[in-house]
Amino acid sequence: MWGLGVLIPLLGAGALQVSQDPAEVQVTAGAGVALGCQVVAAEPFHLLRVEWLKDAGRGVLCAARLGPAATLAPCTPRLHLTWHPPRATLSLRQARTGDAGHYVCRVTLEI
C-alpha cells in the first residue's frame, strides 16, 4: 500500500499551496498508478521545481523544473512526470513490491 502525505512549502502566507491525491492507494503488482500533485500559487509564477520523494526523503525519485508550458521527459523507464497546470502527475508503470511506501510531492517556487 502506498500512502501519500501533504507538504506545503510557503514563501509567504498563501504564496503556494500544494495538495496530493489520492491520499492512499493500493496497487496490484504489475499494475500502474498515478499520483497527483495540485499546485496553486497566489500569484503568477515563472518557474516551479517539483520533486517526488519516497519514504521521508530517502532520495528524489523524479524532479523537474516547470514553467507554465513545460514539456517533460520520463524520469526513469517506469516513472513519468506530466504537467497540466495546475497539476503535476507522477505515473508509475508496473508496480513492484519495493515500490510500496509513502510518496510526497515537494514543490518549490523558484525566484
Protein backbone atom coordinates (compact mmCIF):
# COMPACT_ATOMS: atom_id res chain seq x y z
CA MET A 1 0.00 0.00 0.00
CA TRP A 2 1.32 3.44 -0.84
CA GLY A 3 0.48 6.34 1.39
CA LEU A 4 0.71 9.93 0.35
CA GLY A 5 1.36 12.90 2.56
CA VAL A 6 0.95 16.60 2.02
CA LEU A 7 3.82 19.05 2.01
CA ILE A 8 3.10 22.77 1.79
CA PRO A 9 6.25 24.88 1.48
CA LEU A 10 5.43 28.56 1.80
CA LEU A 11 7.49 31.62 0.95
CA GLY A 12 4.84 33.87 2.41
CA ALA A 13 1.38 33.29 3.78
CA GLY A 14 -0.70 31.84 0.97
CA ALA A 15 2.09 32.11 -1.64
CA LEU A 16 1.91 28.45 -2.64
CA GLN A 17 -0.48 25.64 -1.75
CA VAL A 18 0.18 22.01 -2.61
CA SER A 19 -2.20 19.09 -2.22
CA GLN A 20 -1.84 15.45 -3.19
CA ASP A 21 -4.34 12.84 -4.26
CA PRO A 22 -5.24 10.12 -3.75
CA ALA A 23 -4.37 10.13 -0.04
CA GLU A 24 -3.86 6.37 -0.06
CA VAL A 25 -3.95 3.76 -2.79
CA GLN A 26 -3.49 0.02 -3.08
CA VAL A 27 -1.93 -1.27 -6.26
CA THR A 28 -1.58 -4.81 -7.53
CA ALA A 29 1.91 -5.91 -8.59
CA GLY A 30 2.37 -5.26 -12.30
CA ALA A 31 -0.30 -2.55 -12.42
CA GLY A 32 0.24 1.16 -12.91
CA VAL A 33 -0.67 4.05 -10.64
CA ALA A 34 -0.90 7.84 -10.98
CA LEU A 35 -0.15 10.14 -8.05
CA GLY A 36 -1.40 13.71 -8.37
CA CYS A 37 0.05 16.93 -7.01
CA GLN A 38 -2.08 20.07 -7.34
CA VAL A 39 -0.18 23.38 -7.14
CA VAL A 40 -1.99 26.66 -6.53
CA ALA A 41 0.07 29.86 -6.49
CA ALA A 42 -1.29 33.14 -5.11
CA GLU A 43 0.49 35.00 -7.91
CA PRO A 44 1.64 34.01 -11.40
CA PHE A 45 4.95 32.15 -11.39
CA HIS A 46 7.69 31.64 -13.93
CA LEU A 47 9.34 28.53 -12.56
CA LEU A 48 8.48 25.78 -10.07
CA ARG A 49 10.65 22.88 -9.02
CA VAL A 50 8.61 19.73 -8.43
CA GLU A 51 10.20 16.73 -6.74
CA TRP A 52 8.67 13.40 -5.78
CA LEU A 53 10.24 11.76 -2.74
CA LYS A 54 9.66 8.35 -1.23
CA ASP A 55 9.69 7.35 2.45
CA ALA A 56 10.63 10.59 4.21
CA GLY A 57 13.14 11.87 1.72
CA ARG A 58 15.41 8.85 1.18
CA GLY A 59 16.03 10.35 -2.21
CA VAL A 60 14.33 12.17 -5.03
CA LEU A 61 12.58 9.75 -7.37
CA CYS A 62 11.74 12.28 -10.03
CA ALA A 63 12.32 16.02 -10.35
CA ALA A 64 11.62 18.73 -12.90
CA ARG A 65 11.57 22.48 -13.27
CA LEU A 66 8.17 23.52 -14.54
CA GLY A 67 7.02 26.67 -16.24
CA PRO A 68 3.55 27.47 -17.48
CA ALA A 69 4.12 25.38 -20.64
CA ALA A 70 6.82 22.85 -19.70
CA THR A 71 7.48 19.69 -21.70
CA LEU A 72 8.71 16.75 -19.64
CA ALA A 73 10.59 13.56 -20.30
CA PRO A 74 10.38 10.32 -18.32
CA CYS A 75 12.41 10.28 -15.09
CA THR A 76 13.13 6.55 -15.41
CA PRO A 77 11.72 3.84 -17.66
CA ARG A 78 8.95 3.21 -15.07
CA LEU A 79 8.42 6.77 -13.71
CA HIS A 80 6.95 9.56 -15.78
CA LEU A 81 6.05 13.09 -14.69
CA THR A 82 3.42 15.10 -16.54
CA TRP A 83 2.42 18.73 -16.07
CA HIS A 84 -1.00 20.06 -16.91
CA PRO A 85 -1.23 23.28 -14.84
CA PRO A 86 -2.04 23.36 -12.04
CA ARG A 87 -1.49 19.57 -11.71
CA ALA A 88 1.70 17.50 -11.81
CA THR A 89 1.20 13.73 -12.00
CA LEU A 90 3.76 11.05 -11.27
CA SER A 91 2.89 7.83 -13.09
CA LEU A 92 4.47 4.55 -12.07
CA ARG A 93 4.32 1.68 -14.53
CA GLN A 94 4.45 -1.97 -13.50
CA ALA A 95 4.43 -1.63 -9.71
CA ARG A 96 6.68 -3.92 -7.71
CA THR A 97 6.75 -4.86 -4.04
CA GLY A 98 9.68 -2.50 -3.46
CA ASP A 99 7.60 0.44 -4.69
CA ALA A 100 5.40 0.35 -1.58
CA GLY A 101 5.86 3.34 0.71
CA HIS A 102 4.92 6.96 1.36
CA TYR A 103 5.28 9.36 -1.56
CA VAL A 104 5.48 13.13 -1.12
CA CYS A 105 5.34 15.85 -3.73
CA ARG A 106 7.66 18.74 -2.79
CA VAL A 107 7.17 22.00 -4.69
CA THR A 108 9.47 24.99 -4.55
CA LEU A 109 8.71 28.36 -6.10
CA GLU A 110 11.96 29.47 -7.75
CA ILE A 111 12.80 33.13 -7.95
